Amino acid sequence: MLSRNVPRLFIVNGSNIVDIFIHFVKNSNMARKKLITNRRAEILQAADRLFTHYGFAKTTMEDISREAGIPRATIYLEFPGGKEDILMAHLQDFMEQTLAEMQRAAKTSKTGRLEALRQAILFCILSAHDKATHQFDPSNIEKCSNRIRNEMGEFFKRRDAFYADMLRQAALAGEIQEQPDYEALAALISQSCIGWMPLHTMTLPREAVERGAGTCLSMMLTGLANAKSPRKLSV
């Protein structure tokens, strides 16, 4: 039904032209946001293909522009810092996907909570190793390591919160003693795994990383399960 306050001048084919204009603007804004989102995804997907094939160091912004079919100036509008900004966005997406997969696998695992946690952490380590060895060299990893630590603090907090939740579930299941501070214990486990991350293991074959990290995790979590009483932790 048309509003009586709308002049006949603004009525077209029985429709309020003002409403039509508002609807058009809303749809245009939604299409624009979708276009920008798709553009970002296309840039990251193109960069991923090039990083995998040529490596990060040998890939140029011109290569990414050509592969994505997007002008280089437009890419800089999306990623002002150029290739390093693209790398950070790419790594952030990768890490979010890895955490989601860890959570999904732990939720559906038929094993005990400690074993599910061990498998999740090992999956994280091996995923990072595979990504690094296929796309980077040690100098690139070392160059980006400080920026990763500084810019992805929130991600690491959520990852450690997931570890802490798994430890709580293990305590409820009677696999470990109740702990006074699950967050501190989770942070300690994370710190214990740093030596198995790509900055330190890129030159090692995947099998060596899987065997070494798996053994260390088993020893650490088995020791936790066998502990007679919880201890106050300092991280």
Protein backbone atom coordinates (compact mmCIF):
# COMPACT_ATOMS: atom_id res chain seq x y z
CA MET A 1 0.00 0.00 0.00
CA LEU A 2 1.32 3.44 -0.98
CA SER A 3 1.79 6.15 1.61
CA ARG A 4 -0.65 9.05 1.29
CA ASN A 5 2.24 11.42 2.02
CA VAL A 6 4.14 10.46 -1.14
CA PRO A 7 3.43 12.85 -4.05
CA ARG A 8 2.17 11.29 -7.27
CA LEU A 9 5.38 12.52 -8.92
CA PHE A 10 7.29 9.86 -6.94
CA ILE A 11 4.94 7.01 -7.81
CA VAL A 12 6.09 4.84 -10.72
CA ASN A 13 4.02 1.86 -11.84
CA GLY A 14 2.34 1.76 -8.45
CA SER A 15 5.65 1.78 -6.54
CA ASN A 16 7.19 4.44 -4.34
CA ILE A 17 10.29 5.61 -6.22
CA VAL A 18 11.92 6.62 -2.92
CA ASP A 19 11.58 3.04 -1.66
CA ILE A 20 12.96 1.77 -4.95
CA PHE A 21 15.97 4.08 -4.62
CA ILE A 22 16.64 3.00 -1.01
CA HIS A 23 16.38 -0.66 -2.02
CA PHE A 24 18.81 -0.04 -4.90
CA VAL A 25 21.35 1.68 -2.62
CA LYS A 26 21.18 -1.14 -0.05
CA ASN A 27 21.69 -3.79 -2.71
CA SER A 28 24.51 -1.79 -4.27
CA ASN A 29 26.30 -1.53 -0.91
CA MET A 30 25.90 -5.26 -0.31
CA ALA A 31 27.23 -6.04 -3.80
CA ARG A 32 30.16 -3.68 -3.21
CA LYS A 33 31.05 -5.33 0.11
CA LYS A 34 30.83 -8.75 -1.55
CA LEU A 35 33.05 -7.54 -4.40
CA ILE A 36 35.67 -6.27 -1.95
CA THR A 37 35.54 -9.55 0.02
CA ASN A 38 35.90 -11.57 -3.17
CA ARG A 39 38.76 -9.36 -4.32
CA ARG A 40 40.65 -9.96 -1.09
CA ALA A 41 40.07 -13.72 -1.38
CA GLU A 42 41.23 -13.74 -5.01
CA ILE A 43 44.44 -11.92 -4.09
CA LEU A 44 45.19 -14.32 -1.23
CA GLN A 45 44.41 -17.38 -3.35
CA ALA A 46 46.67 -16.12 -6.14
CA ALA A 47 49.45 -15.40 -3.64
CA ASP A 48 49.07 -18.87 -2.11
CA ARG A 49 49.51 -20.51 -5.52
CA LEU A 50 52.59 -18.43 -6.28
CA PHE A 51 54.15 -18.84 -2.82
CA THR A 52 53.71 -22.60 -3.16
CA HIS A 53 55.19 -22.75 -6.66
CA TYR A 54 57.96 -20.15 -6.50
CA GLY A 55 58.34 -19.44 -2.79
CA PHE A 56 57.69 -16.17 -0.97
CA ALA A 57 61.07 -14.60 -1.74
CA LYS A 58 60.84 -15.05 -5.52
CA THR A 59 57.21 -13.94 -5.83
CA THR A 60 56.74 -10.28 -6.76
CA MET A 61 53.73 -7.99 -6.47
CA GLU A 62 53.62 -7.96 -10.28
CA ASP A 63 53.36 -11.76 -10.23
CA ILE A 64 50.46 -11.59 -7.77
CA SER A 65 48.74 -8.90 -9.84
CA ARG A 66 49.04 -10.97 -13.01
CA GLU A 67 47.94 -14.21 -11.34
CA ALA A 68 44.92 -12.61 -9.66
CA GLY A 69 43.98 -10.50 -12.69
CA ILE A 70 43.82 -7.42 -10.44
CA PRO A 71 45.81 -4.20 -11.00
CA ARG A 72 48.77 -3.79 -8.69
CA ALA A 73 47.50 -0.40 -7.50
CA THR A 74 44.23 -2.03 -6.43
CA ILE A 75 46.14 -4.71 -4.53
CA TYR A 76 48.04 -2.00 -2.64
CA LEU A 77 44.71 -0.44 -1.66
CA GLU A 78 43.76 -3.75 -0.07
CA PHE A 79 47.25 -4.50 1.32
CA PRO A 80 49.18 -1.21 1.77
CA GLY A 81 52.25 -3.06 3.05
CA GLY A 82 52.52 -5.04 -0.15
CA LYS A 83 53.76 -8.61 -0.14
CA GLU A 84 54.38 -8.76 3.61
CA ASP A 85 50.82 -7.65 4.37
CA ILE A 86 49.52 -10.31 1.98
CA LEU A 87 51.69 -12.87 3.74
CA MET A 88 50.37 -11.90 7.17
CA ALA A 89 46.75 -12.05 6.00
CA HIS A 90 47.43 -15.38 4.34
CA LEU A 91 49.06 -16.79 7.48
CA GLN A 92 46.22 -15.51 9.66
CA ASP A 93 43.65 -17.27 7.46
CA PHE A 94 45.76 -20.43 7.50
CA MET A 95 46.12 -20.39 11.29
CA GLU A 96 42.38 -19.81 11.78
CA GLN A 97 41.65 -22.78 9.53
CA THR A 98 44.17 -24.90 11.45
CA LEU A 99 42.59 -24.02 14.81
CA ALA A 100 39.12 -24.79 13.47
CA GLU A 101 40.33 -28.18 12.24
CA MET A 102 41.99 -28.90 15.60
CA GLN A 103 38.75 -28.10 17.43
CA ARG A 104 36.66 -30.18 15.03
CA ALA A 105 38.99 -33.19 15.29
CA ALA A 106 39.10 -32.98 19.11
CA LYS A 107 35.31 -32.77 19.30
CA THR A 108 34.81 -35.90 17.19
CA SER A 109 37.75 -37.89 18.57
CA LYS A 110 36.90 -41.21 20.24
CA THR A 111 40.13 -41.17 22.25
CA GLY A 112 40.70 -39.76 25.72
CA ARG A 113 41.00 -36.01 26.13
CA LEU A 114 44.76 -36.04 26.66
CA GLU A 115 45.35 -38.10 23.52
CA ALA A 116 42.99 -35.84 21.56
CA LEU A 117 44.99 -32.85 22.81
CA ARG A 118 48.27 -34.51 21.80
CA GLN A 119 46.94 -35.20 18.32
CA ALA A 120 45.62 -31.63 17.98
CA ILE A 121 48.94 -30.05 18.96
CA LEU A 122 50.88 -32.40 16.68
CA PHE A 123 48.52 -31.53 13.82
CA CYS A 124 49.21 -27.84 14.45
CA ILE A 125 52.98 -28.38 14.42
CA LEU A 126 52.94 -30.47 11.23
CA SER A 127 50.56 -28.12 9.42
CA ALA A 128 52.88 -25.20 10.17
CA HIS A 129 55.89 -27.25 9.05
CA ASP A 130 54.22 -28.24 5.77
CA LYS A 131 53.17 -24.66 5.03
CA ALA A 132 56.62 -23.25 5.81
CA THR A 133 58.67 -25.80 3.89
CA HIS A 134 56.52 -25.46 0.78
CA GLN A 135 56.43 -21.66 0.67
CA PHE A 136 59.30 -20.12 2.63
CA ASP A 137 62.96 -20.36 3.46
CA PRO A 138 64.49 -19.88 6.94
CA SER A 139 65.36 -16.22 6.33
CA ASN A 140 61.73 -15.40 5.46
CA ILE A 141 60.46 -17.17 8.57
CA GLU A 142 62.96 -15.39 10.78
CA LYS A 143 62.06 -12.04 9.20
CA CYS A 144 58.35 -12.53 9.84
CA SER A 145 58.53 -14.24 13.24
CA ASN A 146 58.45 -11.02 15.31
CA ARG A 147 55.56 -9.61 13.32
CA ILE A 148 53.63 -12.88 13.71
CA ARG A 149 54.10 -12.77 17.48
CA ASN A 150 53.09 -9.10 17.67
CA GLU A 151 50.07 -9.19 15.37
CA MET A 152 48.59 -12.58 16.12
CA GLY A 153 48.46 -12.40 19.90
CA GLU A 154 44.68 -12.80 19.93
CA PHE A 155 44.91 -15.97 17.88
CA PHE A 156 47.47 -17.47 20.26
CA LYS A 157 45.22 -16.62 23.21
CA ARG A 158 42.32 -18.48 21.60
CA ARG A 159 44.55 -21.44 20.77
CA ASP A 160 45.76 -21.64 24.37
CA ALA A 161 42.16 -21.30 25.58
CA PHE A 162 41.35 -24.36 23.50
CA TYR A 163 44.25 -26.26 25.12
CA ALA A 164 43.05 -25.17 28.57
CA ASP A 165 39.53 -26.39 27.84
CA MET A 166 40.88 -29.77 26.72
CA LEU A 167 42.85 -30.02 29.98
CA ARG A 168 39.73 -29.25 31.99
CA GLN A 169 37.89 -32.00 30.14
CA ALA A 170 40.76 -34.39 30.88
CA ALA A 171 40.47 -33.55 34.59
CA LEU A 172 36.71 -34.09 34.55
CA ALA A 173 37.27 -37.46 32.87
CA GLY A 174 39.75 -38.43 35.58
CA GLU A 175 42.73 -38.55 33.22
CA ILE A 176 44.67 -35.94 35.20
CA GLN A 177 44.47 -34.34 38.61
CA GLU A 178 42.46 -31.14 38.89
CA GLN A 179 44.74 -28.16 38.25
CA PRO A 180 44.80 -24.78 40.02
CA ASP A 181 45.38 -22.87 36.76
CA TYR A 182 44.53 -24.52 33.44
CA GLU A 183 45.39 -21.38 31.45
CA ALA A 184 48.93 -21.30 32.87
CA LEU A 185 49.34 -25.01 32.15
CA ALA A 186 48.14 -24.52 28.57
CA ALA A 187 50.58 -21.63 28.08
CA LEU A 188 53.41 -23.77 29.43
CA ILE A 189 52.56 -26.55 26.95
CA SER A 190 52.53 -24.00 24.11
CA GLN A 191 55.93 -22.67 25.12
CA SER A 192 57.28 -26.19 25.30
CA CYS A 193 56.30 -26.71 21.64
CA ILE A 194 58.01 -23.60 20.27
CA GLY A 195 61.15 -25.57 19.50
CA TRP A 196 59.18 -27.71 17.05
CA MET A 197 57.79 -24.78 15.06
CA PRO A 198 59.15 -23.91 11.56
CA LEU A 199 61.66 -21.28 12.69
CA HIS A 200 63.64 -24.11 14.30
CA THR A 201 62.74 -27.17 12.20
CA MET A 202 62.51 -26.09 8.56
CA THR A 203 65.66 -28.00 7.64
CA LEU A 204 64.31 -31.22 9.17
CA PRO A 205 62.24 -33.73 7.18
CA ARG A 206 58.58 -33.98 8.10
CA GLU A 207 59.02 -37.51 9.49
CA ALA A 208 61.67 -36.31 11.93
CA VAL A 209 59.46 -33.47 13.16
CA GLU A 210 56.48 -35.79 13.55
CA ARG A 211 58.52 -38.37 15.44
CA GLY A 212 60.34 -35.89 17.67
CA ALA A 213 57.38 -33.65 18.48
CA GLY A 214 55.09 -36.64 18.98
CA THR A 215 57.52 -38.22 21.43
CA CYS A 216 57.97 -34.98 23.40
CA LEU A 217 54.22 -34.42 23.61
CA SER A 218 53.65 -37.99 24.77
CA MET A 219 56.28 -37.66 27.49
CA MET A 220 54.91 -34.31 28.66
CA LEU A 221 51.26 -35.36 28.78
CA THR A 222 52.06 -38.78 30.24
CA GLY A 223 53.99 -37.05 33.01
CA LEU A 224 51.00 -34.83 33.63
CA ALA A 225 48.70 -37.84 33.81
CA ASN A 226 51.01 -39.60 36.26
CA ALA A 227 51.51 -36.60 38.53
CA LYS A 228 50.27 -37.36 42.02
CA SER A 229 49.24 -33.82 42.84
CA PRO A 230 49.01 -30.54 40.89
CA ARG A 231 51.76 -27.99 41.22
CA LYS A 232 51.53 -24.23 41.01
CA LEU A 233 52.90 -23.16 37.64
CA SER A 234 54.77 -20.00 36.71
CA VAL A 235 54.91 -19.07 33.03
